[in-house]
N, C-alpha and C. Protein backbone atom coordinates (compact mmCIF):
# COMPACT_ATOMS: atom_id res chain seq x y z
N UNK A 1 -26.55 8.71 -296.63
CA UNK A 1 -27.98 8.62 -296.79
C UNK A 1 -28.62 8.53 -295.41
N UNK A 2 -29.54 9.40 -295.15
CA UNK A 2 -30.21 9.43 -293.85
C UNK A 2 -31.39 8.49 -293.90
N UNK A 3 -31.27 7.41 -293.18
CA UNK A 3 -32.34 6.42 -293.14
C UNK A 3 -32.89 6.37 -291.74
N UNK A 4 -34.14 6.66 -291.61
CA UNK A 4 -34.72 6.69 -290.28
C UNK A 4 -35.35 5.37 -289.89
N UNK A 5 -36.03 4.77 -290.84
CA UNK A 5 -36.56 3.45 -290.53
C UNK A 5 -36.40 2.59 -291.77
N UNK A 6 -35.40 1.72 -291.73
CA UNK A 6 -35.22 0.77 -292.82
C UNK A 6 -35.50 -0.59 -292.23
N UNK A 7 -36.42 -1.20 -292.79
CA UNK A 7 -36.84 -2.52 -292.35
C UNK A 7 -37.10 -2.49 -290.85
N UNK A 8 -38.14 -1.75 -290.48
CA UNK A 8 -38.49 -1.54 -289.08
C UNK A 8 -38.85 -2.83 -288.39
N UNK A 9 -39.64 -3.58 -289.05
CA UNK A 9 -40.03 -4.84 -288.41
C UNK A 9 -39.81 -5.99 -289.38
N UNK A 10 -38.71 -6.62 -289.22
CA UNK A 10 -38.47 -7.92 -289.82
C UNK A 10 -38.26 -8.85 -288.63
N UNK A 11 -39.17 -8.65 -287.69
CA UNK A 11 -39.06 -9.32 -286.40
C UNK A 11 -40.14 -10.37 -286.25
N UNK A 12 -39.82 -11.30 -285.51
CA UNK A 12 -40.80 -12.25 -285.02
C UNK A 12 -41.60 -12.86 -286.16
N UNK A 13 -40.95 -13.15 -287.24
CA UNK A 13 -41.66 -13.55 -288.44
C UNK A 13 -41.97 -15.04 -288.45
N UNK A 14 -40.98 -15.83 -288.24
CA UNK A 14 -41.20 -17.25 -288.40
C UNK A 14 -40.66 -18.04 -287.22
N UNK A 15 -41.23 -17.84 -286.05
CA UNK A 15 -40.79 -18.61 -284.89
C UNK A 15 -41.12 -20.07 -285.13
N UNK A 16 -40.13 -20.86 -284.98
CA UNK A 16 -40.34 -22.29 -285.11
C UNK A 16 -40.42 -22.78 -286.55
N UNK A 17 -40.21 -21.91 -287.52
CA UNK A 17 -40.27 -22.34 -288.91
C UNK A 17 -38.91 -22.84 -289.36
N UNK A 18 -38.92 -23.77 -290.25
CA UNK A 18 -37.69 -24.31 -290.81
C UNK A 18 -37.03 -23.23 -291.66
N UNK A 19 -35.71 -23.05 -291.62
CA UNK A 19 -35.07 -21.96 -292.34
C UNK A 19 -35.18 -22.03 -293.85
N UNK A 20 -35.58 -23.16 -294.42
CA UNK A 20 -35.70 -23.24 -295.87
C UNK A 20 -37.06 -22.79 -296.37
N UNK A 21 -37.97 -22.46 -295.50
CA UNK A 21 -39.28 -22.01 -295.95
C UNK A 21 -39.18 -20.61 -296.52
N UNK A 22 -40.06 -20.30 -297.45
CA UNK A 22 -40.02 -18.98 -298.07
C UNK A 22 -40.50 -17.92 -297.09
N UNK A 23 -40.25 -16.66 -297.42
CA UNK A 23 -40.60 -15.57 -296.54
C UNK A 23 -42.10 -15.38 -296.45
N UNK A 24 -42.86 -15.82 -297.43
CA UNK A 24 -44.30 -15.56 -297.46
C UNK A 24 -45.16 -16.69 -296.93
N UNK A 25 -44.58 -17.76 -296.42
CA UNK A 25 -45.42 -18.83 -295.92
C UNK A 25 -44.76 -19.53 -294.74
N UNK A 26 -45.60 -20.12 -293.92
CA UNK A 26 -45.11 -20.90 -292.78
C UNK A 26 -46.03 -22.09 -292.63
N UNK A 27 -45.49 -23.26 -292.46
CA UNK A 27 -46.30 -24.47 -292.32
C UNK A 27 -46.88 -24.53 -290.92
N UNK A 28 -48.10 -24.99 -290.84
CA UNK A 28 -48.77 -25.23 -289.57
C UNK A 28 -48.93 -26.73 -289.45
N UNK A 29 -48.99 -27.25 -288.24
CA UNK A 29 -49.04 -28.69 -288.01
C UNK A 29 -50.19 -29.38 -288.74
N UNK A 30 -51.25 -28.65 -289.04
CA UNK A 30 -52.39 -29.25 -289.70
C UNK A 30 -52.15 -29.51 -291.18
N UNK A 31 -51.04 -29.02 -291.70
CA UNK A 31 -50.75 -29.21 -293.12
C UNK A 31 -51.21 -28.05 -293.98
N UNK A 32 -51.92 -27.09 -293.39
CA UNK A 32 -52.33 -25.92 -294.16
C UNK A 32 -51.22 -24.89 -294.11
N UNK A 33 -51.31 -23.91 -294.97
CA UNK A 33 -50.31 -22.85 -295.01
C UNK A 33 -50.93 -21.54 -294.56
N UNK A 34 -50.19 -20.78 -293.79
CA UNK A 34 -50.62 -19.46 -293.34
C UNK A 34 -49.77 -18.42 -294.06
N UNK A 35 -50.40 -17.51 -294.74
CA UNK A 35 -49.68 -16.47 -295.45
C UNK A 35 -49.38 -15.35 -294.46
N UNK A 36 -48.16 -14.87 -294.48
CA UNK A 36 -47.75 -13.80 -293.58
C UNK A 36 -48.34 -12.48 -294.05
N UNK A 37 -48.90 -11.74 -293.11
CA UNK A 37 -49.39 -10.40 -293.43
C UNK A 37 -48.18 -9.50 -293.65
N UNK A 38 -48.22 -8.73 -294.71
CA UNK A 38 -47.14 -7.79 -294.99
C UNK A 38 -47.74 -6.42 -295.21
N UNK A 39 -47.32 -5.47 -294.39
CA UNK A 39 -47.73 -4.09 -294.56
C UNK A 39 -46.47 -3.28 -294.76
N UNK A 40 -46.44 -2.51 -295.84
CA UNK A 40 -45.24 -1.73 -296.16
C UNK A 40 -45.64 -0.30 -296.50
N UNK A 41 -44.98 0.63 -295.84
CA UNK A 41 -45.18 2.05 -296.12
C UNK A 41 -43.81 2.63 -296.39
N UNK A 42 -43.72 3.46 -297.41
CA UNK A 42 -42.43 3.98 -297.82
C UNK A 42 -42.57 5.45 -298.19
N UNK A 43 -41.60 6.26 -297.82
CA UNK A 43 -41.56 7.66 -298.18
C UNK A 43 -40.18 7.95 -298.75
N UNK A 44 -40.10 8.14 -300.04
CA UNK A 44 -38.82 8.36 -300.71
C UNK A 44 -38.20 9.70 -300.29
N UNK A 45 -39.03 10.71 -300.03
CA UNK A 45 -38.52 12.03 -299.67
C UNK A 45 -37.76 11.99 -298.34
N UNK A 46 -38.33 11.35 -297.34
CA UNK A 46 -37.67 11.25 -296.04
C UNK A 46 -36.75 10.04 -295.95
N UNK A 47 -36.77 9.20 -296.93
CA UNK A 47 -35.95 7.99 -297.02
C UNK A 47 -36.17 7.08 -295.82
N UNK A 48 -37.40 6.70 -295.59
CA UNK A 48 -37.69 5.73 -294.57
C UNK A 48 -38.69 4.74 -295.12
N UNK A 49 -38.76 3.61 -294.46
CA UNK A 49 -39.80 2.66 -294.77
C UNK A 49 -40.10 1.85 -293.53
N UNK A 50 -41.33 1.43 -293.45
CA UNK A 50 -41.76 0.57 -292.36
C UNK A 50 -42.33 -0.69 -292.98
N UNK A 51 -41.84 -1.83 -292.52
CA UNK A 51 -42.32 -3.11 -293.02
C UNK A 51 -42.74 -3.93 -291.80
N UNK A 52 -43.96 -4.38 -291.83
CA UNK A 52 -44.46 -5.21 -290.75
C UNK A 52 -44.82 -6.57 -291.34
N UNK A 53 -44.09 -7.58 -290.91
CA UNK A 53 -44.34 -8.96 -291.35
C UNK A 53 -44.75 -9.75 -290.13
N UNK A 54 -46.00 -10.02 -290.01
CA UNK A 54 -46.48 -10.74 -288.83
C UNK A 54 -47.80 -11.42 -289.16
N UNK A 55 -47.84 -12.70 -288.93
CA UNK A 55 -49.07 -13.47 -289.17
C UNK A 55 -50.17 -12.95 -288.25
N UNK A 56 -51.28 -12.60 -288.83
CA UNK A 56 -52.44 -12.17 -288.06
C UNK A 56 -52.53 -10.68 -287.81
N UNK A 57 -51.48 -9.92 -288.12
CA UNK A 57 -51.50 -8.49 -287.82
C UNK A 57 -52.56 -7.75 -288.62
N UNK A 58 -52.64 -8.03 -289.89
CA UNK A 58 -53.59 -7.30 -290.74
C UNK A 58 -55.04 -7.56 -290.32
N UNK A 59 -55.36 -8.81 -290.00
CA UNK A 59 -56.72 -9.13 -289.54
C UNK A 59 -56.99 -8.48 -288.19
N UNK A 60 -56.01 -8.49 -287.31
CA UNK A 60 -56.16 -7.85 -286.00
C UNK A 60 -56.35 -6.35 -286.16
N UNK A 61 -55.57 -5.74 -287.06
CA UNK A 61 -55.64 -4.30 -287.30
C UNK A 61 -57.03 -3.87 -287.76
N UNK A 62 -57.67 -4.72 -288.55
CA UNK A 62 -59.00 -4.40 -289.06
C UNK A 62 -60.04 -4.32 -287.95
N UNK A 63 -59.77 -4.90 -286.80
CA UNK A 63 -60.72 -4.89 -285.68
C UNK A 63 -60.44 -3.76 -284.69
N UNK A 64 -59.42 -2.96 -284.93
CA UNK A 64 -59.03 -1.91 -283.99
C UNK A 64 -59.63 -0.56 -284.37
N UNK A 65 -59.47 0.40 -283.48
CA UNK A 65 -59.96 1.75 -283.74
C UNK A 65 -59.26 2.32 -284.97
N UNK A 66 -59.98 3.12 -285.76
CA UNK A 66 -59.40 3.66 -287.00
C UNK A 66 -58.37 4.77 -286.71
N UNK A 67 -57.65 5.15 -287.73
CA UNK A 67 -56.61 6.18 -287.62
C UNK A 67 -57.14 7.49 -287.07
N UNK A 68 -58.34 7.88 -287.51
CA UNK A 68 -58.87 9.18 -287.11
C UNK A 68 -59.18 9.25 -285.62
N UNK A 69 -59.27 8.13 -284.94
CA UNK A 69 -59.56 8.12 -283.51
C UNK A 69 -58.42 8.72 -282.69
N UNK A 70 -57.21 8.60 -283.18
CA UNK A 70 -56.01 9.04 -282.46
C UNK A 70 -55.46 10.32 -283.08
N UNK A 71 -54.88 11.17 -282.24
CA UNK A 71 -54.16 12.33 -282.76
C UNK A 71 -52.72 11.91 -283.05
N UNK A 72 -52.09 12.63 -283.95
CA UNK A 72 -50.72 12.30 -284.28
C UNK A 72 -49.80 12.49 -283.08
N UNK A 73 -50.04 13.53 -282.29
CA UNK A 73 -49.18 13.76 -281.12
C UNK A 73 -49.31 12.64 -280.10
N UNK A 74 -50.50 12.10 -279.91
CA UNK A 74 -50.67 10.97 -278.98
C UNK A 74 -49.91 9.76 -279.49
N UNK A 75 -50.02 9.47 -280.77
CA UNK A 75 -49.32 8.34 -281.35
C UNK A 75 -47.81 8.51 -281.24
N UNK A 76 -47.32 9.71 -281.52
CA UNK A 76 -45.88 9.98 -281.43
C UNK A 76 -45.38 9.79 -280.00
N UNK A 77 -46.12 10.30 -279.02
CA UNK A 77 -45.70 10.17 -277.63
C UNK A 77 -45.67 8.72 -277.16
N UNK A 78 -46.67 7.97 -277.52
CA UNK A 78 -46.68 6.55 -277.14
C UNK A 78 -45.59 5.78 -277.86
N UNK A 79 -45.37 6.09 -279.13
CA UNK A 79 -44.31 5.41 -279.88
C UNK A 79 -42.93 5.72 -279.31
N UNK A 80 -42.72 6.94 -278.84
CA UNK A 80 -41.43 7.28 -278.22
C UNK A 80 -41.18 6.36 -277.03
N UNK A 81 -42.18 6.21 -276.20
CA UNK A 81 -42.04 5.35 -275.03
C UNK A 81 -41.79 3.90 -275.45
N UNK A 82 -42.61 3.40 -276.37
CA UNK A 82 -42.48 2.01 -276.82
C UNK A 82 -41.14 1.74 -277.49
N UNK A 83 -40.68 2.66 -278.33
CA UNK A 83 -39.41 2.48 -279.02
C UNK A 83 -38.25 2.46 -278.03
N UNK A 84 -38.28 3.36 -277.05
CA UNK A 84 -37.21 3.37 -276.04
C UNK A 84 -37.17 2.05 -275.28
N UNK A 85 -38.33 1.56 -274.89
CA UNK A 85 -38.38 0.30 -274.14
C UNK A 85 -37.97 -0.88 -275.04
N UNK A 86 -38.44 -0.89 -276.28
CA UNK A 86 -38.08 -1.94 -277.22
C UNK A 86 -36.57 -1.99 -277.42
N UNK A 87 -35.97 -0.83 -277.67
CA UNK A 87 -34.53 -0.78 -277.89
C UNK A 87 -33.74 -1.16 -276.64
N UNK A 88 -34.26 -0.82 -275.48
CA UNK A 88 -33.60 -1.24 -274.25
C UNK A 88 -33.59 -2.75 -274.15
N UNK A 89 -34.71 -3.38 -274.46
CA UNK A 89 -34.80 -4.84 -274.41
C UNK A 89 -33.95 -5.49 -275.50
N UNK A 90 -33.90 -4.88 -276.65
CA UNK A 90 -33.07 -5.42 -277.73
C UNK A 90 -31.59 -5.35 -277.36
N UNK A 91 -31.23 -4.40 -276.52
CA UNK A 91 -29.85 -4.24 -276.11
C UNK A 91 -29.39 -5.21 -275.03
N UNK A 92 -30.34 -5.94 -274.44
CA UNK A 92 -30.01 -6.90 -273.38
C UNK A 92 -30.55 -8.29 -273.74
N UNK A 93 -29.94 -8.96 -274.72
CA UNK A 93 -30.45 -10.26 -275.15
C UNK A 93 -30.36 -11.34 -274.07
N UNK A 94 -29.54 -11.14 -273.06
CA UNK A 94 -29.47 -12.12 -271.97
C UNK A 94 -30.64 -11.99 -271.01
N UNK A 95 -31.23 -10.81 -270.93
CA UNK A 95 -32.36 -10.58 -270.04
C UNK A 95 -33.70 -10.79 -270.73
N UNK A 96 -33.77 -10.44 -272.00
CA UNK A 96 -35.02 -10.51 -272.74
C UNK A 96 -34.86 -11.44 -273.93
N UNK A 97 -35.94 -12.07 -274.32
CA UNK A 97 -35.91 -13.05 -275.39
C UNK A 97 -35.37 -12.44 -276.69
N UNK A 98 -34.21 -12.88 -277.16
CA UNK A 98 -33.65 -12.31 -278.38
C UNK A 98 -34.45 -12.66 -279.63
N UNK A 99 -35.32 -13.64 -279.56
CA UNK A 99 -36.19 -13.94 -280.70
C UNK A 99 -37.32 -12.91 -280.81
N UNK A 100 -37.71 -12.33 -279.68
CA UNK A 100 -38.74 -11.30 -279.71
C UNK A 100 -38.16 -9.92 -280.01
N UNK A 101 -37.02 -9.64 -279.42
CA UNK A 101 -36.39 -8.33 -279.57
C UNK A 101 -35.05 -8.49 -280.27
N UNK A 102 -35.08 -8.91 -281.52
CA UNK A 102 -33.84 -9.23 -282.21
C UNK A 102 -33.21 -8.06 -282.93
N UNK A 103 -33.88 -6.93 -283.02
CA UNK A 103 -33.36 -5.79 -283.75
C UNK A 103 -33.88 -4.51 -283.11
N UNK A 104 -33.02 -3.52 -282.99
CA UNK A 104 -33.49 -2.24 -282.45
C UNK A 104 -34.21 -1.46 -283.54
N UNK A 105 -34.97 -0.47 -283.12
CA UNK A 105 -35.77 0.34 -284.04
C UNK A 105 -35.13 1.71 -284.15
N UNK A 106 -34.86 2.13 -285.36
CA UNK A 106 -34.25 3.44 -285.61
C UNK A 106 -35.36 4.45 -285.84
N UNK A 107 -35.92 4.93 -284.75
CA UNK A 107 -37.00 5.92 -284.78
C UNK A 107 -36.44 7.20 -284.20
N UNK A 108 -36.33 8.22 -285.03
CA UNK A 108 -35.77 9.49 -284.57
C UNK A 108 -36.91 10.41 -284.17
N UNK A 109 -36.85 10.88 -282.94
CA UNK A 109 -37.95 11.63 -282.36
C UNK A 109 -38.16 13.01 -282.97
N UNK A 110 -37.15 13.54 -283.62
CA UNK A 110 -37.26 14.88 -284.18
C UNK A 110 -37.78 14.89 -285.63
N UNK A 111 -38.13 13.75 -286.16
CA UNK A 111 -38.63 13.65 -287.54
C UNK A 111 -40.14 13.41 -287.52
N UNK A 112 -40.84 14.13 -288.39
CA UNK A 112 -42.29 13.95 -288.52
C UNK A 112 -42.54 12.84 -289.53
N UNK A 113 -42.88 11.65 -289.04
CA UNK A 113 -43.13 10.51 -289.92
C UNK A 113 -44.55 10.52 -290.47
N UNK A 114 -45.39 11.33 -289.93
CA UNK A 114 -46.77 11.37 -290.37
C UNK A 114 -47.65 10.46 -289.53
N UNK A 115 -48.93 10.65 -289.68
CA UNK A 115 -49.88 9.92 -288.84
C UNK A 115 -49.95 8.44 -289.21
N UNK A 116 -49.88 8.12 -290.49
CA UNK A 116 -50.04 6.73 -290.91
C UNK A 116 -48.92 5.84 -290.36
N UNK A 117 -47.69 6.29 -290.45
CA UNK A 117 -46.57 5.50 -289.95
C UNK A 117 -46.66 5.36 -288.44
N UNK A 118 -46.96 6.46 -287.76
CA UNK A 118 -47.08 6.41 -286.31
C UNK A 118 -48.23 5.52 -285.87
N UNK A 119 -49.32 5.54 -286.61
CA UNK A 119 -50.47 4.68 -286.29
C UNK A 119 -50.10 3.21 -286.44
N UNK A 120 -49.47 2.85 -287.55
CA UNK A 120 -49.11 1.45 -287.77
C UNK A 120 -48.07 0.97 -286.77
N UNK A 121 -47.12 1.82 -286.44
CA UNK A 121 -46.12 1.45 -285.44
C UNK A 121 -46.76 1.25 -284.08
N UNK A 122 -47.62 2.17 -283.69
CA UNK A 122 -48.33 2.05 -282.42
C UNK A 122 -49.18 0.77 -282.38
N UNK A 123 -49.89 0.52 -283.47
CA UNK A 123 -50.75 -0.66 -283.51
C UNK A 123 -49.92 -1.95 -283.48
N UNK A 124 -48.75 -1.92 -284.11
CA UNK A 124 -47.91 -3.11 -284.04
C UNK A 124 -47.46 -3.36 -282.61
N UNK A 125 -47.09 -2.32 -281.90
CA UNK A 125 -46.70 -2.49 -280.50
C UNK A 125 -47.84 -3.08 -279.68
N UNK A 126 -49.05 -2.59 -279.91
CA UNK A 126 -50.22 -3.12 -279.20
C UNK A 126 -50.45 -4.59 -279.55
N UNK A 127 -50.36 -4.91 -280.83
CA UNK A 127 -50.52 -6.30 -281.29
C UNK A 127 -49.45 -7.20 -280.68
N UNK A 128 -48.21 -6.74 -280.71
CA UNK A 128 -47.09 -7.49 -280.16
C UNK A 128 -47.31 -7.80 -278.68
N UNK A 129 -47.76 -6.81 -277.93
CA UNK A 129 -47.98 -7.01 -276.50
C UNK A 129 -49.06 -8.06 -276.24
N UNK A 130 -50.11 -8.02 -277.04
CA UNK A 130 -51.19 -8.99 -276.86
C UNK A 130 -50.77 -10.39 -277.31
N UNK A 131 -50.17 -10.48 -278.47
CA UNK A 131 -49.85 -11.79 -279.04
C UNK A 131 -48.79 -12.53 -278.23
N UNK A 132 -47.77 -11.80 -277.76
CA UNK A 132 -46.65 -12.45 -277.09
C UNK A 132 -46.66 -12.23 -275.57
N UNK A 133 -47.78 -11.72 -275.06
CA UNK A 133 -47.96 -11.52 -273.63
C UNK A 133 -46.78 -10.73 -273.03
N UNK A 134 -46.45 -9.65 -273.67
CA UNK A 134 -45.38 -8.75 -273.23
C UNK A 134 -45.98 -7.44 -272.76
N UNK A 135 -45.30 -6.77 -271.89
CA UNK A 135 -45.73 -5.45 -271.43
C UNK A 135 -44.60 -4.48 -271.66
N UNK A 136 -44.75 -3.62 -272.65
CA UNK A 136 -43.70 -2.63 -272.95
C UNK A 136 -43.86 -1.40 -272.06
């Protein structure tokens, strides 16, 4: 089975959370609960899926430029660069924080994932860089 992106982002979900907490919630010191944003896109024909689990991503995404602002080729080119750098960092856990880069991304450059997947992947990289003060 050719899987191009299976569970693309199950990363950086619950830093500092107790392992017995459920996947959909994380306790905050104030006693309130924060629900994790979950965005999932799936294409049965190409057998890929992208899952983004990150607190605050969906709200942040709503404040960004819309999909139509970017061309698919621009998104693909930027994602190629980001994926290569991400995978390089995931391959060196002694140099880079393994909690941030705990899994490589299986993004094949010769497959047309479509604009929506490329947009969400690009936006996640932008969000990740801002939230965790990283420069990919």
